[in-house]
Amino acid sequence: MRLDELGVKLNSTLIKAITESIEETIQLAIKALKEQKSLRQVKNPAEFLVDTIKNTLQPNTNYEQRTKMNTFNE
């Protein structure tokens, strides 16, 4: 999934966070953003990603399991 499909508009702060991080951290941040968007409205997806990358937050395991089940049930 592309960032613009998640409502993320690239800015200089996000670009810097992405270029200074490893791919695994970025992928985890994107998963965390998807999770939060499924639970509530995220006012600023780009800011959420920057914060998540900098703090290396991770999505809940239950969210990943729900996603797999939803994909399986489709």
N, C-alpha and C. Protein backbone atom coordinates (compact mmCIF):
# COMPACT_ATOMS: atom_id res chain seq x y z
N MET A 1 0.85 -1.17 0.00
CA MET A 1 0.00 0.00 0.00
C MET A 1 0.89 1.24 0.00
N ARG A 2 0.51 2.19 -0.79
CA ARG A 2 1.25 3.44 -0.88
C ARG A 2 0.84 4.38 0.23
N LEU A 3 1.76 5.26 0.61
CA LEU A 3 1.48 6.20 1.70
C LEU A 3 0.32 7.12 1.38
N ASP A 4 0.21 7.57 0.12
CA ASP A 4 -0.89 8.47 -0.21
C ASP A 4 -2.25 7.78 -0.08
N GLU A 5 -2.29 6.46 -0.22
CA GLU A 5 -3.52 5.70 -0.03
C GLU A 5 -3.94 5.68 1.44
N LEU A 6 -2.99 5.96 2.33
CA LEU A 6 -3.29 6.04 3.76
C LEU A 6 -3.54 7.48 4.20
N GLY A 7 -3.56 8.40 3.25
CA GLY A 7 -3.78 9.79 3.58
C GLY A 7 -2.54 10.53 4.05
N VAL A 8 -1.37 9.95 3.77
CA VAL A 8 -0.11 10.54 4.21
C VAL A 8 0.43 11.44 3.11
N LYS A 9 0.68 12.69 3.47
CA LYS A 9 1.31 13.63 2.55
C LYS A 9 2.76 13.80 2.98
N LEU A 10 3.66 13.50 2.05
CA LEU A 10 5.08 13.60 2.37
C LEU A 10 5.47 15.05 2.65
N ASN A 11 6.27 15.22 3.68
CA ASN A 11 6.85 16.52 4.00
C ASN A 11 8.31 16.29 4.37
N SER A 12 9.05 17.37 4.55
CA SER A 12 10.48 17.24 4.79
C SER A 12 10.79 16.47 6.08
N THR A 13 9.96 16.63 7.10
CA THR A 13 10.19 15.93 8.37
C THR A 13 10.00 14.43 8.20
N LEU A 14 8.95 14.04 7.49
CA LEU A 14 8.69 12.62 7.26
C LEU A 14 9.78 12.02 6.37
N ILE A 15 10.16 12.72 5.34
CA ILE A 15 11.21 12.23 4.45
C ILE A 15 12.50 12.00 5.23
N LYS A 16 12.84 12.93 6.11
CA LYS A 16 14.06 12.79 6.92
C LYS A 16 13.94 11.57 7.84
N ALA A 17 12.78 11.40 8.49
CA ALA A 17 12.58 10.26 9.39
C ALA A 17 12.71 8.94 8.63
N ILE A 18 12.17 8.90 7.42
CA ILE A 18 12.23 7.69 6.60
C ILE A 18 13.66 7.40 6.17
N THR A 19 14.36 8.41 5.71
CA THR A 19 15.73 8.18 5.21
C THR A 19 16.70 7.83 6.32
N GLU A 20 16.38 8.20 7.56
CA GLU A 20 17.27 7.91 8.68
C GLU A 20 16.89 6.62 9.42
N SER A 21 15.89 5.91 8.92
CA SER A 21 15.41 4.70 9.60
C SER A 21 15.62 3.47 8.74
N ILE A 22 15.58 2.33 9.40
CA ILE A 22 15.67 1.08 8.66
C ILE A 22 14.28 0.68 8.16
N GLU A 23 14.25 -0.14 7.15
CA GLU A 23 12.99 -0.52 6.51
C GLU A 23 12.02 -1.18 7.49
N GLU A 24 12.53 -2.03 8.36
CA GLU A 24 11.65 -2.72 9.32
C GLU A 24 10.90 -1.72 10.20
N THR A 25 11.58 -0.69 10.66
CA THR A 25 10.95 0.33 11.49
C THR A 25 9.86 1.06 10.71
N ILE A 26 10.13 1.36 9.47
CA ILE A 26 9.15 2.06 8.63
C ILE A 26 7.93 1.17 8.40
N GLN A 27 8.16 -0.10 8.10
CA GLN A 27 7.04 -1.02 7.88
C GLN A 27 6.18 -1.17 9.14
N LEU A 28 6.84 -1.25 10.30
CA LEU A 28 6.08 -1.33 11.55
C LEU A 28 5.28 -0.06 11.80
N ALA A 29 5.85 1.08 11.46
CA ALA A 29 5.13 2.35 11.63
C ALA A 29 3.91 2.40 10.72
N ILE A 30 4.04 1.90 9.51
CA ILE A 30 2.91 1.87 8.58
C ILE A 30 1.82 0.94 9.10
N LYS A 31 2.21 -0.21 9.64
CA LYS A 31 1.23 -1.13 10.23
C LYS A 31 0.53 -0.48 11.42
N ALA A 32 1.28 0.25 12.24
CA ALA A 32 0.68 0.94 13.38
C ALA A 32 -0.31 2.01 12.91
N LEU A 33 0.03 2.71 11.82
CA LEU A 33 -0.88 3.72 11.27
C LEU A 33 -2.15 3.06 10.76
N LYS A 34 -2.02 1.97 10.04
CA LYS A 34 -3.20 1.24 9.56
C LYS A 34 -4.10 0.84 10.72
N GLU A 35 -3.48 0.35 11.78
CA GLU A 35 -4.24 -0.07 12.96
C GLU A 35 -5.00 1.12 13.54
N GLN A 36 -4.32 2.23 13.74
CA GLN A 36 -4.96 3.39 14.33
C GLN A 36 -6.08 3.93 13.44
N LYS A 37 -5.87 3.90 12.14
CA LYS A 37 -6.91 4.37 11.22
C LYS A 37 -8.13 3.46 11.26
N SER A 38 -7.93 2.17 11.57
CA SER A 38 -9.07 1.26 11.66
C SER A 38 -9.84 1.45 12.96
N LEU A 39 -9.18 2.03 13.97
CA LEU A 39 -9.80 2.22 15.28
C LEU A 39 -10.37 3.61 15.48
N ARG A 40 -9.74 4.59 14.86
CA ARG A 40 -10.16 5.98 15.06
C ARG A 40 -9.62 6.83 13.93
N GLN A 41 -10.11 8.06 13.87
CA GLN A 41 -9.60 8.99 12.87
C GLN A 41 -8.22 9.50 13.29
N VAL A 42 -7.29 9.48 12.37
CA VAL A 42 -5.96 10.01 12.61
C VAL A 42 -5.92 11.38 11.93
N LYS A 43 -5.81 12.44 12.73
CA LYS A 43 -5.88 13.80 12.19
C LYS A 43 -4.73 14.11 11.24
N ASN A 44 -3.52 13.67 11.58
CA ASN A 44 -2.36 13.98 10.76
C ASN A 44 -1.53 12.71 10.57
N PRO A 45 -1.84 11.93 9.54
CA PRO A 45 -1.13 10.67 9.33
C PRO A 45 0.38 10.83 9.19
N ALA A 46 0.83 11.90 8.55
CA ALA A 46 2.28 12.10 8.39
C ALA A 46 2.95 12.31 9.74
N GLU A 47 2.33 13.13 10.58
CA GLU A 47 2.88 13.36 11.93
C GLU A 47 2.86 12.07 12.74
N PHE A 48 1.79 11.30 12.61
CA PHE A 48 1.71 10.01 13.31
C PHE A 48 2.87 9.11 12.89
N LEU A 49 3.14 9.05 11.58
CA LEU A 49 4.24 8.21 11.11
C LEU A 49 5.59 8.69 11.64
N VAL A 50 5.82 9.99 11.61
CA VAL A 50 7.09 10.53 12.12
C VAL A 50 7.26 10.15 13.59
N ASP A 51 6.22 10.38 14.39
CA ASP A 51 6.30 10.04 15.82
C ASP A 51 6.52 8.55 16.02
N THR A 52 5.83 7.75 15.23
CA THR A 52 5.94 6.31 15.37
C THR A 52 7.33 5.82 14.96
N ILE A 53 7.87 6.37 13.90
CA ILE A 53 9.22 5.99 13.45
C ILE A 53 10.24 6.40 14.51
N LYS A 54 10.13 7.63 15.00
CA LYS A 54 11.09 8.11 16.00
C LYS A 54 11.02 7.32 17.30
N ASN A 55 9.82 6.90 17.67
CA ASN A 55 9.63 6.18 18.93
C ASN A 55 9.57 4.67 18.72
N THR A 56 9.73 4.23 17.48
CA THR A 56 9.65 2.82 17.09
C THR A 56 8.50 2.09 17.76
N LEU A 57 7.30 2.67 17.65
CA LEU A 57 6.10 2.01 18.15
C LEU A 57 5.74 0.87 17.22
N GLN A 58 5.04 -0.12 17.76
CA GLN A 58 4.67 -1.27 16.97
C GLN A 58 3.17 -1.50 17.07
N PRO A 59 2.58 -2.09 16.03
CA PRO A 59 1.15 -2.39 16.09
C PRO A 59 0.89 -3.51 17.09
N ASN A 60 -0.34 -3.57 17.57
CA ASN A 60 -0.73 -4.64 18.48
C ASN A 60 -0.76 -5.96 17.73
N THR A 61 -0.38 -7.02 18.39
CA THR A 61 -0.42 -8.34 17.79
C THR A 61 -1.84 -8.72 17.40
N ASN A 62 -2.81 -8.35 18.23
CA ASN A 62 -4.21 -8.67 17.93
C ASN A 62 -4.65 -8.04 16.62
N TYR A 63 -4.18 -6.83 16.33
CA TYR A 63 -4.54 -6.18 15.07
C TYR A 63 -4.04 -6.99 13.89
N GLU A 64 -2.80 -7.45 13.97
CA GLU A 64 -2.25 -8.24 12.87
C GLU A 64 -3.04 -9.54 12.70
N GLN A 65 -3.46 -10.15 13.79
CA GLN A 65 -4.24 -11.38 13.71
C GLN A 65 -5.61 -11.10 13.10
N ARG A 66 -6.25 -9.97 13.48
CA ARG A 66 -7.55 -9.60 12.91
C ARG A 66 -7.41 -9.36 11.42
N THR A 67 -6.33 -8.71 11.00
CA THR A 67 -6.11 -8.42 9.59
C THR A 67 -5.99 -9.72 8.80
N LYS A 68 -5.24 -10.67 9.34
CA LYS A 68 -5.09 -11.95 8.67
C LYS A 68 -6.42 -12.68 8.59
N MET A 69 -7.22 -12.64 9.66
CA MET A 69 -8.52 -13.29 9.65
C MET A 69 -9.46 -12.62 8.66
N ASN A 70 -9.43 -11.28 8.61
CA ASN A 70 -10.29 -10.57 7.65
C ASN A 70 -9.91 -10.92 6.22
N THR A 71 -8.63 -11.03 5.95
CA THR A 71 -8.17 -11.40 4.62
C THR A 71 -8.60 -12.82 4.30
N PHE A 72 -8.48 -13.70 5.28
CA PHE A 72 -8.88 -15.10 5.10
C PHE A 72 -10.38 -15.21 4.83
N ASN A 73 -11.18 -14.41 5.51
CA ASN A 73 -12.64 -14.50 5.40
C ASN A 73 -13.17 -13.85 4.12
N GLU A 74 -12.36 -13.11 3.40
CA GLU A 74 -12.84 -12.44 2.18
C GLU A 74 -12.99 -13.36 1.03
